[in-house]
PDB file of N, CA and C in Angstrom:
ATOM      1  N   UNK A   1       0.638  -1.104  -0.203  1.00  0.00           N
ATOM      2  CA  UNK A   1       0.315  -0.124   0.267  1.00  0.00           C
ATOM      3  C   UNK A   1       0.846   1.334  -0.113  1.00  0.00           C
ATOM      4  N   UNK A   2       0.041   2.433  -0.588  1.00  0.00           N
ATOM      5  CA  UNK A   2       0.486   3.473  -0.755  1.00  0.00           C
ATOM      6  C   UNK A   2       0.825   4.618   0.267  1.00  0.00           C
ATOM      7  N   UNK A   3       1.362   5.302   0.561  1.00  0.00           N
ATOM      8  CA  UNK A   3       1.916   6.025   1.918  1.00  0.00           C
ATOM      9  C   UNK A   3       0.380   6.708   1.410  1.00  0.00           C
ATOM     10  N   UNK A   4      -0.615   7.614   0.932  1.00  0.00           N
ATOM     11  CA  UNK A   4      -1.598   7.681  -0.071  1.00  0.00           C
ATOM     12  C   UNK A   4      -2.840   6.844   0.714  1.00  0.00           C
ATOM     13  N   UNK A   5      -2.716   5.620   1.019  1.00  0.00           N
ATOM     14  CA  UNK A   5      -3.355   3.972   1.015  1.00  0.00           C
ATOM     15  C   UNK A   5      -3.910   4.208   2.378  1.00  0.00           C
ATOM     16  N   UNK A   6      -2.627   4.165   2.545  1.00  0.00           N
ATOM     17  CA  UNK A   6      -2.444   4.121   4.497  1.00  0.00           C
ATOM     18  C   UNK A   6      -3.257   5.287   4.875  1.00  0.00           C
ATOM     19  N   UNK A   7      -3.130   6.810   4.498  1.00  0.00           N
ATOM     20  CA  UNK A   7      -4.032   7.729   5.090  1.00  0.00           C
ATOM     21  C   UNK A   7      -5.168   8.202   4.932  1.00  0.00           C
ATOM     22  N   UNK A   8      -5.701   7.155   3.915  1.00  0.00           N
ATOM     23  CA  UNK A   8      -7.039   7.195   4.020  1.00  0.00           C
ATOM     24  C   UNK A   8      -8.050   5.888   4.503  1.00  0.00           C
ATOM     25  N   UNK A   9      -7.415   4.954   4.514  1.00  0.00           N
ATOM     26  CA  UNK A   9      -7.986   3.979   5.598  1.00  0.00           C
ATOM     27  C   UNK A   9      -7.588   3.875   7.011  1.00  0.00           C
ATOM     28  N   UNK A  10      -6.972   5.373   7.638  1.00  0.00           N
ATOM     29  CA  UNK A  10      -6.571   5.418   8.775  1.00  0.00           C
ATOM     30  C   UNK A  10      -7.936   6.272   9.417  1.00  0.00           C
ATOM     31  N   UNK A  11      -8.500   6.063  10.519  1.00  0.00           N
ATOM     32  CA  UNK A  11      -9.150   7.028  11.058  1.00  0.00           C
ATOM     33  C   UNK A  11      -9.313   8.718  10.884  1.00  0.00           C
ATOM     34  N   UNK A  12      -7.907   8.928  10.814  1.00  0.00           N
ATOM     35  CA  UNK A  12      -7.444  10.365  10.929  1.00  0.00           C
ATOM     36  C   UNK A  12      -8.058  10.508   9.446  1.00  0.00           C
ATOM     37  N   UNK A  13      -7.857  10.009   8.651  1.00  0.00           N
ATOM     38  CA  UNK A  13      -8.012   9.690   6.498  1.00  0.00           C
ATOM     39  C   UNK A  13      -9.807  10.427   6.904  1.00  0.00           C
ATOM     40  N   UNK A  14     -10.527   9.154   7.279  1.00  0.00           N
ATOM     41  CA  UNK A  14     -11.854   8.922   6.968  1.00  0.00           C
ATOM     42  C   UNK A  14     -12.256  10.549   7.750  1.00  0.00           C
ATOM     43  N   UNK A  15     -11.656  10.856   8.883  1.00  0.00           N
ATOM     44  CA  UNK A  15     -12.049  12.725   9.512  1.00  0.00           C
ATOM     45  C   UNK A  15     -11.936  13.090   8.569  1.00  0.00           C
ATOM     46  N   UNK A  16     -10.892  13.316   7.650  1.00  0.00           N
ATOM     47  CA  UNK A  16      -9.954  14.193   6.905  1.00  0.00           C
ATOM     48  C   UNK A  16     -10.944  14.494   5.960  1.00  0.00           C
ATOM     49  N   UNK A  17     -11.750  13.288   5.021  1.00  0.00           N
ATOM     50  CA  UNK A  17     -12.285  13.132   3.481  1.00  0.00           C
ATOM     51  C   UNK A  17     -13.861  13.961   4.039  1.00  0.00           C
ATOM     52  N   UNK A  18     -14.230  13.457   6.035  1.00  0.00           N
ATOM     53  CA  UNK A  18     -15.348  13.263   5.774  1.00  0.00           C
ATOM     54  C   UNK A  18     -15.639  15.438   5.879  1.00  0.00           C
ATOM     55  N   UNK A  19     -14.552  15.944   6.658  1.00  0.00           N
ATOM     56  CA  UNK A  19     -14.716  17.353   6.733  1.00  0.00           C
ATOM     57  C   UNK A  19     -14.140  17.557   5.598  1.00  0.00           C
ATOM     58  N   UNK A  20     -13.878  17.050   4.284  1.00  0.00           N
ATOM     59  CA  UNK A  20     -13.643  17.893   2.913  1.00  0.00           C
ATOM     60  C   UNK A  20     -14.847  17.964   2.207  1.00  0.00           C
ATOM     61  N   UNK A  21     -15.514  16.552   2.376  1.00  0.00           N
ATOM     62  CA  UNK A  21     -17.368  16.474   2.219  1.00  0.00           C
ATOM     63  C   UNK A  21     -18.198  17.583   2.491  1.00  0.00           C
ATOM     64  N   UNK A  22     -17.933  18.169   4.148  1.00  0.00           N
ATOM     65  CA  UNK A  22     -19.029  18.856   4.432  1.00  0.00           C
ATOM     66  C   UNK A  22     -18.679  20.361   3.911  1.00  0.00           C
ATOM     67  N   UNK A  23     -17.221  20.408   3.980  1.00  0.00           N
ATOM     68  CA  UNK A  23     -16.875  21.945   3.660  1.00  0.00           C
ATOM     69  C   UNK A  23     -17.256  22.351   1.974  1.00  0.00           C
ATOM     70  N   UNK A  24     -16.638  21.224   1.447  1.00  0.00           N
ATOM     71  CA  UNK A  24     -17.048  21.353   0.047  1.00  0.00           C
ATOM     72  C   UNK A  24     -18.112  21.401  -0.814  1.00  0.00           C
ATOM     73  N   UNK A  25     -18.926  20.605  -0.518  1.00  0.00           N
ATOM     74  CA  UNK A  25     -20.380  20.586  -0.807  1.00  0.00           C
ATOM     75  C   UNK A  25     -20.919  21.883  -1.211  1.00  0.00           C
ATOM     76  N   UNK A  26     -20.463  22.561  -0.071  1.00  0.00           N
ATOM     77  CA  UNK A  26     -21.622  23.498  -0.096  1.00  0.00           C
ATOM     78  C   UNK A  26     -21.369  24.866  -1.495  1.00  0.00           C
ATOM     79  N   UNK A  27     -19.374  24.406  -1.633  1.00  0.00           N
ATOM     80  CA  UNK A  27     -18.394  24.898  -2.294  1.00  0.00           C
ATOM     81  C   UNK A  27     -19.037  25.180  -4.017  1.00  0.00           C
ATOM     82  N   UNK A  28     -19.391  23.627  -3.966  1.00  0.00           N
ATOM     83  CA  UNK A  28     -19.620  23.715  -5.615  1.00  0.00           C
ATOM     84  C   UNK A  28     -20.594  24.514  -5.795  1.00  0.00           C
ATOM     85  N   UNK A  29     -22.133  25.142  -5.030  1.00  0.00           N
ATOM     86  CA  UNK A  29     -23.210  25.704  -5.266  1.00  0.00           C
ATOM     87  C   UNK A  29     -22.447  26.829  -5.488  1.00  0.00           C
ATOM     88  N   UNK A  30     -21.973  27.533  -4.286  1.00  0.00           N
ATOM     89  CA  UNK A  30     -21.906  28.772  -4.073  1.00  0.00           C
ATOM     90  C   UNK A  30     -21.050  28.954  -4.839  1.00  0.00           C
ATOM     91  N   UNK A  31     -19.644  28.850  -5.499  1.00  0.00           N
ATOM     92  CA  UNK A  31     -18.571  29.371  -6.006  1.00  0.00           C
ATOM     93  C   UNK A  31     -19.426  29.831  -7.320  1.00  0.00           C
ATOM     94  N   UNK A  32     -19.926  28.991  -8.472  1.00  0.00           N
ATOM     95  CA  UNK A  32     -20.367  29.248  -9.578  1.00  0.00           C
ATOM     96  C   UNK A  32     -21.235  30.514  -9.161  1.00  0.00           C
ATOM     97  N   UNK A  33     -21.960  30.483  -7.969  1.00  0.00           N
ATOM     98  CA  UNK A  33     -22.996  31.867  -7.880  1.00  0.00           C
ATOM     99  C   UNK A  33     -22.895  32.746  -7.458  1.00  0.00           C
ATOM    100  N   UNK A  34     -21.734  32.561  -7.059  1.00  0.00           N
ATOM    101  CA  UNK A  34     -20.887  33.888  -6.402  1.00  0.00           C
ATOM    102  C   UNK A  34     -20.147  34.823  -8.196  1.00  0.00           C
ATOM    103  N   UNK A  35     -19.306  33.501  -8.748  1.00  0.00           N
ATOM    104  CA  UNK A  35     -18.747  34.066  -9.726  1.00  0.00           C
ATOM    105  C   UNK A  35     -20.034  34.594 -11.027  1.00  0.00           C
ATOM    106  N   UNK A  36     -21.197  34.052 -10.950  1.00  0.00           N
ATOM    107  CA  UNK A  36     -22.312  34.475 -11.852  1.00  0.00           C
ATOM    108  C   UNK A  36     -22.258  35.512 -11.406  1.00  0.00           C
ATOM    109  N   UNK A  37     -22.809  36.364  -9.651  1.00  0.00           N
ATOM    110  CA  UNK A  37     -23.652  37.426  -9.697  1.00  0.00           C
ATOM    111  C   UNK A  37     -22.505  38.235  -9.582  1.00  0.00           C
ATOM    112  N   UNK A  38     -21.001  38.541  -9.374  1.00  0.00           N
ATOM    113  CA  UNK A  38     -19.804  38.997  -9.986  1.00  0.00           C
ATOM    114  C   UNK A  38     -20.077  39.157 -10.956  1.00  0.00           C
ATOM    115  N   UNK A  39     -19.600  38.873 -12.085  1.00  0.00           N
ATOM    116  CA  UNK A  39     -19.682  38.912 -13.163  1.00  0.00           C
ATOM    117  C   UNK A  39     -21.032  39.575 -13.794  1.00  0.00           C
ATOM    118  N   UNK A  40     -22.640  39.608 -12.988  1.00  0.00           N
ATOM    119  CA  UNK A  40     -23.487  40.464 -13.545  1.00  0.00           C
ATOM    120  C   UNK A  40     -23.340  41.562 -12.961  1.00  0.00           C
ATOM    121  N   UNK A  41     -23.117  42.185 -11.678  1.00  0.00           N
ATOM    122  CA  UNK A  41     -22.915  43.481 -10.898  1.00  0.00           C
ATOM    123  C   UNK A  41     -21.592  43.888 -12.103  1.00  0.00           C
ATOM    124  N   UNK A  42     -20.755  43.049 -12.367  1.00  0.00           N
ATOM    125  CA  UNK A  42     -19.470  44.612 -13.346  1.00  0.00           C
ATOM    126  C   UNK A  42     -20.081  44.405 -14.163  1.00  0.00           C
ATOM    127  N   UNK A  43     -20.808  44.024 -15.465  1.00  0.00           N
ATOM    128  CA  UNK A  43     -21.599  44.306 -16.890  1.00  0.00           C
ATOM    129  C   UNK A  43     -22.819  44.848 -16.439  1.00  0.00           C
ATOM    130  N   UNK A  44     -23.201  45.344 -15.125  1.00  0.00           N
ATOM    131  CA  UNK A  44     -24.194  46.430 -14.647  1.00  0.00           C
ATOM    132  C   UNK A  44     -23.025  47.208 -14.529  1.00  0.00           C
ATOM    133  N   UNK A  45     -22.427  47.733 -13.866  1.00  0.00           N
ATOM    134  CA  UNK A  45     -21.165  48.762 -14.357  1.00  0.00           C
ATOM    135  C   UNK A  45     -20.999  49.470 -15.525  1.00  0.00           C
ATOM    136  N   UNK A  46     -20.827  48.541 -16.765  1.00  0.00           N
ATOM    137  CA  UNK A  46     -20.557  48.957 -17.972  1.00  0.00           C
ATOM    138  C   UNK A  46     -21.892  50.691 -18.133  1.00  0.00           C
ATOM    139  N   UNK A  47     -21.653  51.932 -18.556  1.00  0.00           N
ATOM    140  CA  UNK A  47     -23.136  52.273 -19.151  1.00  0.00           C
ATOM    141  C   UNK A  47     -23.087  53.160 -20.069  1.00  0.00           C
ATOM    142  N   UNK A  48     -22.655  52.632 -20.793  1.00  0.00           N
ATOM    143  CA  UNK A  48     -22.841  52.935 -22.123  1.00  0.00           C
ATOM    144  C   UNK A  48     -23.692  51.759 -22.373  1.00  0.00           C
ATOM    145  N   UNK A  49     -24.778  51.657 -23.333  1.00  0.00           N
ATOM    146  CA  UNK A  49     -25.856  50.492 -23.785  1.00  0.00           C
ATOM    147  C   UNK A  49     -25.330  49.479 -24.739  1.00  0.00           C
ATOM    148  N   UNK A  50     -23.932  50.438 -25.334  1.00  0.00           N
ATOM    149  CA  UNK A  50     -23.980  49.181 -26.763  1.00  0.00           C
ATOM    150  C   UNK A  50     -22.846  48.812 -25.865  1.00  0.00           C
ATOM    151  N   UNK A  51     -22.399  48.989 -25.352  1.00  0.00           N
ATOM    152  CA  UNK A  51     -20.786  48.108 -24.559  1.00  0.00           C
ATOM    153  C   UNK A  51     -21.477  47.002 -24.076  1.00  0.00           C
ATOM    154  N   UNK A  52     -22.325  47.451 -23.303  1.00  0.00           N
ATOM    155  CA  UNK A  52     -23.215  46.559 -22.434  1.00  0.00           C
ATOM    156  C   UNK A  52     -23.681  45.278 -22.946  1.00  0.00           C
ATOM    157  N   UNK A  53     -23.993  45.309 -24.362  1.00  0.00           N
ATOM    158  CA  UNK A  53     -24.955  44.552 -25.218  1.00  0.00           C
ATOM    159  C   UNK A  53     -24.082  43.957 -26.136  1.00  0.00           C
ATOM    160  N   UNK A  54     -22.847  44.222 -26.291  1.00  0.00           N
ATOM    161  CA  UNK A  54     -21.944  43.301 -26.560  1.00  0.00           C
ATOM    162  C   UNK A  54     -21.059  42.550 -25.557  1.00  0.00           C
ATOM    163  N   UNK A  55     -21.198  42.763 -24.100  1.00  0.00           N
ATOM    164  CA  UNK A  55     -20.726  41.659 -23.843  1.00  0.00           C
ATOM    165  C   UNK A  55     -21.753  40.575 -23.214  1.00  0.00           C
ATOM    166  N   UNK A  56     -22.907  41.144 -23.240  1.00  0.00           N
ATOM    167  CA  UNK A  56     -24.391  40.214 -23.347  1.00  0.00           C
ATOM    168  C   UNK A  56     -23.992  39.219 -24.387  1.00  0.00           C
ATOM    169  N   UNK A  57     -24.147  39.813 -25.408  1.00  0.00           N
ATOM    170  CA  UNK A  57     -23.497  39.099 -27.149  1.00  0.00           C
ATOM    171  C   UNK A  57     -22.590  38.300 -27.276  1.00  0.00           C
ATOM    172  N   UNK A  58     -21.577  38.936 -26.491  1.00  0.00           N
ATOM    173  CA  UNK A  58     -20.800  38.138 -26.395  1.00  0.00           C
ATOM    174  C   UNK A  58     -20.371  36.209 -25.768  1.00  0.00           C
ATOM    175  N   UNK A  59     -20.963  36.422 -24.637  1.00  0.00           N
ATOM    176  CA  UNK A  59     -21.552  36.025 -23.130  1.00  0.00           C
ATOM    177  C   UNK A  59     -22.509  34.979 -24.209  1.00  0.00           C
ATOM    178  N   UNK A  60     -23.783  34.581 -24.841  1.00  0.00           N
ATOM    179  CA  UNK A  60     -23.877  34.432 -25.376  1.00  0.00           C
ATOM    180  C   UNK A  60     -23.873  33.473 -26.788  1.00  0.00           C
ATOM    181  N   UNK A  61     -22.932  34.349 -27.157  1.00  0.00           N
ATOM    182  CA  UNK A  61     -22.119  33.188 -28.114  1.00  0.00           C
ATOM    183  C   UNK A  61     -21.549  32.416 -27.832  1.00  0.00           C
ATOM    184  N   UNK A  62     -20.574  32.425 -26.693  1.00  0.00           N
ATOM    185  CA  UNK A  62     -19.558  31.801 -26.066  1.00  0.00           C
ATOM    186  C   UNK A  62     -20.698  30.432 -25.481  1.00  0.00           C
ATOM    187  N   UNK A  63     -21.526  31.081 -24.999  1.00  0.00           N
ATOM    188  CA  UNK A  63     -22.443  29.413 -24.366  1.00  0.00           C
ATOM    189  C   UNK A  63     -23.299  28.584 -25.535  1.00  0.00           C
ATOM    190  N   UNK A  64     -23.611  30.077 -26.722  1.00  0.00           N
ATOM    191  CA  UNK A  64     -23.956  29.002 -27.994  1.00  0.00           C
ATOM    192  C   UNK A  64     -23.115  28.010 -28.583  1.00  0.00           C
ATOM    193  N   UNK A  65     -21.574  28.541 -28.742  1.00  0.00           N
ATOM    194  CA  UNK A  65     -20.788  27.496 -29.542  1.00  0.00           C
ATOM    195  C   UNK A  65     -20.533  26.508 -28.132  1.00  0.00           C
ATOM    196  N   UNK A  66     -20.012  26.819 -27.194  1.00  0.00           N
ATOM    197  CA  UNK A  66     -20.230  25.534 -26.494  1.00  0.00           C
ATOM    198  C   UNK A  66     -21.045  24.362 -26.310  1.00  0.00           C
ATOM    199  N   UNK A  67     -22.412  25.200 -26.590  1.00  0.00           N
ATOM    200  CA  UNK A  67     -23.167  24.255 -26.501  1.00  0.00           C
ATOM    201  C   UNK A  67     -23.017  23.447 -28.100  1.00  0.00           C
ATOM    202  N   UNK A  68     -23.146  23.619 -28.847  1.00  0.00           N
ATOM    203  CA  UNK A  68     -23.095  23.184 -30.553  1.00  0.00           C
ATOM    204  C   UNK A  68     -21.933  22.322 -30.506  1.00  0.00           C
ATOM    205  N   UNK A  69     -20.536  22.642 -29.986  1.00  0.00           N
ATOM    206  CA  UNK A  69     -19.225  21.832 -29.790  1.00  0.00           C
ATOM    207  C   UNK A  69     -19.650  21.014 -29.208  1.00  0.00           C
ATOM    208  N   UNK A  70     -20.130  20.610 -27.734  1.00  0.00           N
ATOM    209  CA  UNK A  70     -20.319  19.645 -26.999  1.00  0.00           C
ATOM    210  C   UNK A  70     -21.342  18.935 -27.520  1.00  0.00           C
ATOM    211  N   UNK A  71     -22.068  18.656 -28.242  1.00  0.00           N
ATOM    212  CA  UNK A  71     -23.807  18.324 -28.413  1.00  0.00           C
ATOM    213  C   UNK A  71     -23.304  17.344 -29.503  1.00  0.00           C
ATOM    214  N   UNK A  72     -22.643  17.830 -30.199  1.00  0.00           N
ATOM    215  CA  UNK A  72     -21.813  16.817 -31.505  1.00  0.00           C
ATOM    216  C   UNK A  72     -22.009  15.643 -31.574  1.00  0.00           C
ATOM    217  N   UNK A  73     -20.986  15.628 -30.526  1.00  0.00           N
ATOM    218  CA  UNK A  73     -20.506  14.320 -30.569  1.00  0.00           C
ATOM    219  C   UNK A  73     -21.461  13.243 -29.778  1.00  0.00           C
ATOM    220  N   UNK A  74     -22.523  13.631 -29.600  1.00  0.00           N
ATOM    221  CA  UNK A  74     -24.220  13.020 -28.838  1.00  0.00           C
ATOM    222  C   UNK A  74     -25.393  12.787 -30.022  1.00  0.00           C
ATOM    223  N   UNK A  75     -25.294  11.078 -30.258  1.00  0.00           N
ATOM    224  CA  UNK A  75     -25.729  11.052 -31.287  1.00  0.00           C
ATOM    225  C   UNK A  75     -27.799  11.276 -31.595  1.00  0.00           C
ATOM    226  N   UNK A  76     -27.689  10.835 -30.477  1.00  0.00           N
ATOM    227  CA  UNK A  76     -30.201  12.317 -30.393  1.00  0.00           C
ATOM    228  C   UNK A  76     -29.491  13.391 -31.171  1.00  0.00           C
ATOM    229  N   UNK A  77     -28.324  14.405 -30.489  1.00  0.00           N
ATOM    230  CA  UNK A  77     -28.416  15.260 -31.371  1.00  0.00           C
ATOM    231  C   UNK A  77     -28.013  15.571 -32.945  1.00  0.00           C
ATOM    232  N   UNK A  78     -26.835  14.816 -33.319  1.00  0.00           N
ATOM    233  CA  UNK A  78     -25.958  14.537 -34.087  1.00  0.00           C
ATOM    234  C   UNK A  78     -27.709  14.239 -35.092  1.00  0.00           C
ATOM    235  N   UNK A  79     -28.130  13.002 -34.876  1.00  0.00           N
ATOM    236  CA  UNK A  79     -29.888  12.338 -36.030  1.00  0.00           C
ATOM    237  C   UNK A  79     -30.463  13.560 -36.429  1.00  0.00           C
ATOM    238  N   UNK A  80     -31.111  14.347 -34.908  1.00  0.00           N
ATOM    239  CA  UNK A  80     -32.137  14.671 -34.711  1.00  0.00           C
ATOM    240  C   UNK A  80     -32.029  16.541 -35.199  1.00  0.00           C
ATOM    241  N   UNK A  81     -30.865  16.860 -34.935  1.00  0.00           N
ATOM    242  CA  UNK A  81     -30.916  18.956 -35.170  1.00  0.00           C
ATOM    243  C   UNK A  81     -30.140  18.892 -35.829  1.00  0.00           C
ATOM    244  N   UNK A  82     -28.575  18.713 -35.906  1.00  0.00           N
ATOM    245  CA  UNK A  82     -27.336  18.437 -37.246  1.00  0.00           C
ATOM    246  C   UNK A  82     -27.341  18.167 -38.306  1.00  0.00           C
ATOM    247  N   UNK A  83     -28.407  17.159 -38.246  1.00  0.00           N
ATOM    248  CA  UNK A  83     -28.860  16.048 -39.591  1.00  0.00           C
ATOM    249  C   UNK A  83     -27.228  15.726 -39.644  1.00  0.00           C
ATOM    250  N   UNK A  84     -26.507  15.315 -38.798  1.00  0.00           N
ATOM    251  CA  UNK A  84     -25.734  14.171 -39.153  1.00  0.00           C
ATOM    252  C   UNK A  84     -25.269  13.260 -39.347  1.00  0.00           C
ATOM    253  N   UNK A  85     -24.499  12.356 -39.221  1.00  0.00           N
ATOM    254  CA  UNK A  85     -24.537  11.255 -39.668  1.00  0.00           C
ATOM    255  C   UNK A  85     -24.183  10.810 -38.056  1.00  0.00           C
ATOM    256  N   UNK A  86     -24.709   9.708 -37.577  1.00  0.00           N
ATOM    257  CA  UNK A  86     -24.785   8.890 -35.949  1.00  0.00           C
ATOM    258  C   UNK A  86     -23.097   8.553 -36.248  1.00  0.00           C
ATOM    259  N   UNK A  87     -22.403   8.740 -34.833  1.00  0.00           N
ATOM    260  CA  UNK A  87     -20.976   7.827 -34.709  1.00  0.00           C
ATOM    261  C   UNK A  87     -21.418   6.702 -33.961  1.00  0.00           C
ATOM    262  N   UNK A  88     -20.528   5.649 -34.897  1.00  0.00           N
ATOM    263  CA  UNK A  88     -19.713   4.751 -34.474  1.00  0.00           C
ATOM    264  C   UNK A  88     -19.376   4.157 -33.020  1.00  0.00           C
ATOM    265  N   UNK A  89     -19.924   3.035 -32.214  1.00  0.00           N
ATOM    266  CA  UNK A  89     -19.266   3.334 -30.624  1.00  0.00           C
ATOM    267  C   UNK A  89     -18.481   2.053 -31.268  1.00  0.00           C
ATOM    268  N   UNK A  90     -17.482   2.965 -30.455  1.00  0.00           N
ATOM    269  CA  UNK A  90     -15.892   2.219 -30.353  1.00  0.00           C
ATOM    270  C   UNK A  90     -15.769   0.889 -29.402  1.00  0.00           C
ATOM    271  N   UNK A  91     -17.141   0.613 -28.907  1.00  0.00           N
ATOM    272  CA  UNK A  91     -16.954  -0.577 -27.780  1.00  0.00           C
ATOM    273  C   UNK A  91     -16.766  -1.740 -29.161  1.00  0.00           C
ATOM    274  N   UNK A  92     -15.590  -2.878 -27.900  1.00  0.00           N
ATOM    275  CA  UNK A  92     -15.721  -3.893 -29.120  1.00  0.00           C
ATOM    276  C   UNK A  92     -15.916  -5.290 -27.763  1.00  0.00           C
TER     277      UNK A  92
END
């Protein structure tokens, strides 16, 4: 066994893992919320409506491109939305 395995199987390791879970799980939801909130407040500080709308447009385009790129590898999207041929499974 390695040192990490010994540590995780000890009582101190189990307490450490439980503490990280209790502290880390709320942060999985809190950190993205705070990032979105801070970003929204920063965009609202832009006084020129044209620049504010351009920032919103860029954010929307980034989300749209990410959606398109991520979903083109899913066969349902390839078949029904993009009209692309289905990908072959590599499982043998």
